[in-house]
C-alpha atoms as a PDB file:
ATOM      1  CA  MET A   1       6.117 -42.254  -0.401  1.00  0.00           C
ATOM      2  CA  PHE A   2       9.712 -43.424  -1.356  1.00  0.00           C
ATOM      3  CA  ARG A   3      10.094 -40.701  -3.425  1.00  0.00           C
ATOM      4  CA  LEU A   4       9.610 -38.224  -0.625  1.00  0.00           C
ATOM      5  CA  GLU A   5      11.758 -40.230   1.538  1.00  0.00           C
ATOM      6  CA  LEU A   6      14.783 -39.713  -1.022  1.00  0.00           C
ATOM      7  CA  PHE A   7      14.002 -35.848  -1.462  1.00  0.00           C
ATOM      8  CA  ARG A   8      13.916 -35.594   2.310  1.00  0.00           C
ATOM      9  CA  ALA A   9      17.371 -37.786   2.550  1.00  0.00           C
ATOM     10  CA  GLY A  10      18.175 -35.132  -0.094  1.00  0.00           C
ATOM     11  CA  GLU A  11      17.259 -32.199   2.043  1.00  0.00           C
ATOM     12  CA  ILE A  12      19.455 -33.640   4.710  1.00  0.00           C
ATOM     13  CA  GLU A  13      22.464 -34.319   2.823  1.00  0.00           C
ATOM     14  CA  ARG A  14      22.222 -30.579   1.451  1.00  0.00           C
ATOM     15  CA  ARG A  15      21.534 -28.763   4.867  1.00  0.00           C
ATOM     16  CA  LEU A  16      25.033 -30.885   6.128  1.00  0.00           C
ATOM     17  CA  ALA A  17      26.831 -29.581   3.206  1.00  0.00           C
ATOM     18  CA  VAL A  18      25.886 -25.632   4.182  1.00  0.00           C
ATOM     19  CA  PRO A  19      28.665 -24.442   6.583  1.00  0.00           C
ATOM     20  CA  ASP A  20      27.473 -23.804  10.140  1.00  0.00           C
ATOM     21  CA  LEU A  21      26.246 -20.134  10.302  1.00  0.00           C
ATOM     22  CA  ALA A  22      26.515 -19.988  13.875  1.00  0.00           C
ATOM     23  CA  GLY A  23      30.161 -20.693  13.972  1.00  0.00           C
ATOM     24  CA  ALA A  24      32.121 -23.457  14.024  1.00  0.00           C
ATOM     25  CA  GLU A  25      31.553 -24.352  17.901  1.00  0.00           C
ATOM     26  CA  TYR A  26      31.786 -28.169  18.918  1.00  0.00           C
ATOM     27  CA  GLY A  27      28.291 -27.699  20.955  1.00  0.00           C
ATOM     28  CA  SER A  28      26.059 -26.584  17.645  1.00  0.00           C
ATOM     29  CA  SER A  29      27.858 -29.042  15.318  1.00  0.00           C
ATOM     30  CA  CYS A  30      27.239 -31.596  17.799  1.00  0.00           C
ATOM     31  CA  ILE A  31      23.662 -30.775  17.906  1.00  0.00           C
ATOM     32  CA  ARG A  32      23.350 -30.498  14.265  1.00  0.00           C
ATOM     33  CA  ARG A  33      24.734 -33.769  13.400  1.00  0.00           C
ATOM     34  CA  SER A  34      22.401 -35.317  16.171  1.00  0.00           C
ATOM     35  CA  LEU A  35      19.230 -33.721  14.685  1.00  0.00           C
ATOM     36  CA  VAL A  36      20.318 -35.316  11.317  1.00  0.00           C
ATOM     37  CA  LEU A  37      20.937 -38.589  12.503  1.00  0.00           C
ATOM     38  CA  ARG A  38      17.640 -38.802  14.330  1.00  0.00           C
ATOM     39  CA  ASN A  39      15.844 -37.391  10.866  1.00  0.00           C
ATOM     40  CA  LEU A  40      17.826 -40.501   9.298  1.00  0.00           C
ATOM     41  CA  LEU A  41      16.608 -42.741  11.486  1.00  0.00           C
ATOM     42  CA  ILE A  42      12.977 -41.702  11.366  1.00  0.00           C
ATOM     43  CA  LEU A  43      13.331 -42.179   7.774  1.00  0.00           C
ATOM     44  CA  LEU A  44      14.722 -45.673   7.799  1.00  0.00           C
ATOM     45  CA  ALA A  45      11.497 -46.306  10.237  1.00  0.00           C
ATOM     46  CA  LEU A  46       9.100 -45.238   7.565  1.00  0.00           C
ATOM     47  CA  SER A  47      10.919 -47.254   4.942  1.00  0.00           C
ATOM     48  CA  ALA A  48      10.674 -50.398   6.891  1.00  0.00           C
ATOM     49  CA  VAL A  49       7.115 -49.843   7.911  1.00  0.00           C
ATOM     50  CA  GLU A  50       6.408 -49.306   3.937  1.00  0.00           C
ATOM     51  CA  ILE A  51       8.108 -52.468   3.050  1.00  0.00           C
ATOM     52  CA  VAL A  52       6.599 -54.586   6.107  1.00  0.00           C
ATOM     53  CA  ARG A  53       3.145 -53.379   5.826  1.00  0.00           C
ATOM     54  CA  PRO A  54       2.100 -55.361   2.837  1.00  0.00           C
ATOM     55  CA  ALA A  55       3.000 -58.794   4.194  1.00  0.00           C
ATOM     56  CA  LEU A  56       1.187 -57.845   7.561  1.00  0.00           C
ATOM     57  CA  ARG A  57      -2.045 -57.749   5.409  1.00  0.00           C
ATOM     58  CA  VAL A  58      -2.187 -61.210   4.563  1.00  0.00           C
END
């Protein structure tokens, strides 16, 4: 699971490095950043669940 999360994080970073093909408009760049932040928060939450889950089985 952790390797998959690292792969996803790498994909997000790679996509951020790609220039905005729709143009350098503020709106599209802002939307893209917010989507990336949302994805990173989801990955962080998944990581936290994987860390806490074994402790909850006790």
